[in-house]
Amino acid sequence: MSTYNFGHVSGPADFGDHHHVQNHHTPDLATLMQLADRLTEALQAEYPHLVRQGEIIQAQFEESAEDGLPPNRGRIRSALEAVAIGAAAGTGSLVFTQQLTNALGL
């Protein structure tokens, strides 16, 4: 589990605070959307061939915001797994992937 602190992420969740993750505190949708945006930006810089996975995650959160229903965790999980397999340790892409995985309790 990462100990990175993304203090610039607004919202109730501090992604570097293990207590939130261990208690399965799910950040609000706006915070998750912001984190997904940052993942996609990191993928564009580091792994352009994986950008589609970031876009899938963004789309699930956007759909959830529009219809008020929970995001499709299966699609998000599959996209995160694909990034986790393709991203190297220490990259921003993998860090954001781990943060989303932990935040969603996947």
Protein backbone atom coordinates (compact mmCIF):
# COMPACT_ATOMS: atom_id res chain seq x y z
CA MET A 1 0.00 0.00 0.00
CA SER A 2 1.37 3.38 -0.94
CA THR A 3 2.13 6.10 1.55
CA TYR A 4 2.13 8.89 -1.01
CA ASN A 5 0.25 11.95 0.14
CA PHE A 6 -1.54 13.81 -2.63
CA GLY A 7 -2.33 16.90 -0.57
CA HIS A 8 -3.42 18.77 -3.69
CA VAL A 9 -6.44 16.47 -4.07
CA SER A 10 -9.45 18.26 -2.68
CA GLY A 11 -12.11 16.41 -0.78
CA PRO A 12 -12.47 14.50 2.44
CA ALA A 13 -10.03 11.75 1.58
CA ASP A 14 -6.31 12.02 2.18
CA PHE A 15 -4.97 9.26 -0.02
CA GLY A 16 -1.81 9.05 2.08
CA ASP A 17 -3.75 8.35 5.27
CA HIS A 18 -3.87 4.60 5.83
CA HIS A 19 -6.68 4.92 8.37
CA HIS A 20 -9.11 5.99 5.65
CA VAL A 21 -8.10 3.10 3.42
CA GLN A 22 -8.12 0.52 6.17
CA ASN A 23 -11.54 1.67 7.29
CA HIS A 24 -12.69 1.42 3.66
CA HIS A 25 -13.70 5.07 3.66
CA THR A 26 -14.67 5.72 0.07
CA PRO A 27 -13.89 9.26 -1.08
CA ASP A 28 -16.66 11.29 -2.66
CA LEU A 29 -17.29 10.94 -6.38
CA ALA A 30 -15.70 14.29 -7.23
CA THR A 31 -12.46 13.21 -5.56
CA LEU A 32 -12.49 9.86 -7.36
CA MET A 33 -13.11 11.63 -10.67
CA GLN A 34 -10.17 13.94 -10.02
CA LEU A 35 -7.93 10.99 -9.22
CA ALA A 36 -9.07 9.18 -12.40
CA ASP A 37 -8.24 12.32 -14.40
CA ARG A 38 -4.74 12.34 -12.92
CA LEU A 39 -4.33 8.65 -13.73
CA THR A 40 -5.25 9.29 -17.36
CA GLU A 41 -2.83 12.23 -17.53
CA ALA A 42 -0.04 10.04 -16.13
CA LEU A 43 -0.88 7.31 -18.62
CA GLN A 44 -0.70 9.80 -21.49
CA ALA A 45 2.82 10.73 -20.42
CA GLU A 46 4.10 7.29 -19.42
CA TYR A 47 2.05 4.61 -21.21
CA PRO A 48 0.08 6.01 -24.16
CA HIS A 49 -1.04 2.49 -25.11
CA LEU A 50 -2.90 2.26 -21.75
CA VAL A 51 -4.74 5.61 -21.98
CA ARG A 52 -7.94 3.81 -22.98
CA GLN A 53 -8.00 2.12 -19.56
CA GLY A 54 -7.91 5.51 -17.84
CA GLU A 55 -10.68 6.74 -20.11
CA ILE A 56 -12.81 3.72 -19.18
CA ILE A 57 -12.44 4.57 -15.49
CA GLN A 58 -13.26 8.23 -16.12
CA ALA A 59 -16.35 7.24 -18.11
CA GLN A 60 -17.63 5.05 -15.28
CA PHE A 61 -17.35 7.90 -12.78
CA GLU A 62 -18.92 10.36 -15.23
CA GLU A 63 -21.83 7.99 -15.83
CA SER A 64 -22.27 7.62 -12.08
CA ALA A 65 -22.35 11.39 -11.67
CA GLU A 66 -25.00 11.67 -14.39
CA ASP A 67 -27.34 8.88 -13.32
CA GLY A 68 -26.73 8.94 -9.56
CA LEU A 69 -26.02 5.21 -9.46
CA PRO A 70 -22.76 3.69 -8.20
CA PRO A 71 -20.00 3.32 -10.79
CA ASN A 72 -19.52 -0.06 -12.42
CA ARG A 73 -16.87 -1.52 -10.13
CA GLY A 74 -16.25 -4.49 -12.43
CA ARG A 75 -15.27 -2.31 -15.36
CA ILE A 76 -13.16 -0.10 -13.11
CA ARG A 77 -11.45 -3.13 -11.57
CA SER A 78 -10.66 -4.61 -15.00
CA ALA A 79 -9.19 -1.32 -16.23
CA LEU A 80 -7.12 -0.88 -13.06
CA GLU A 81 -5.81 -4.44 -13.34
CA ALA A 82 -4.73 -3.81 -16.93
CA VAL A 83 -2.82 -0.71 -15.87
CA ALA A 84 -1.28 -2.48 -12.86
CA ILE A 85 0.05 -5.21 -15.16
CA GLY A 86 1.48 -2.74 -17.67
CA ALA A 87 2.86 0.00 -15.41
CA ALA A 88 6.28 -0.15 -13.81
CA ALA A 89 6.90 0.35 -10.10
CA GLY A 90 7.56 3.93 -9.12
CA THR A 91 5.61 5.48 -11.97
CA GLY A 92 2.79 7.94 -11.44
CA SER A 93 0.50 5.65 -13.38
CA LEU A 94 1.00 2.80 -10.94
CA VAL A 95 0.73 5.08 -7.90
CA PHE A 96 -2.62 6.49 -9.08
CA THR A 97 -3.79 2.96 -9.93
CA GLN A 98 -2.97 1.78 -6.41
CA GLN A 99 -4.66 4.82 -4.89
CA LEU A 100 -7.89 4.19 -6.83
CA THR A 101 -7.79 0.48 -6.05
CA ASN A 102 -7.38 1.20 -2.34
CA ALA A 103 -9.93 4.01 -2.27
CA LEU A 104 -12.55 1.77 -3.86
CA GLY A 105 -11.64 -1.26 -1.75
CA LEU A 106 -10.98 -3.37 -4.87
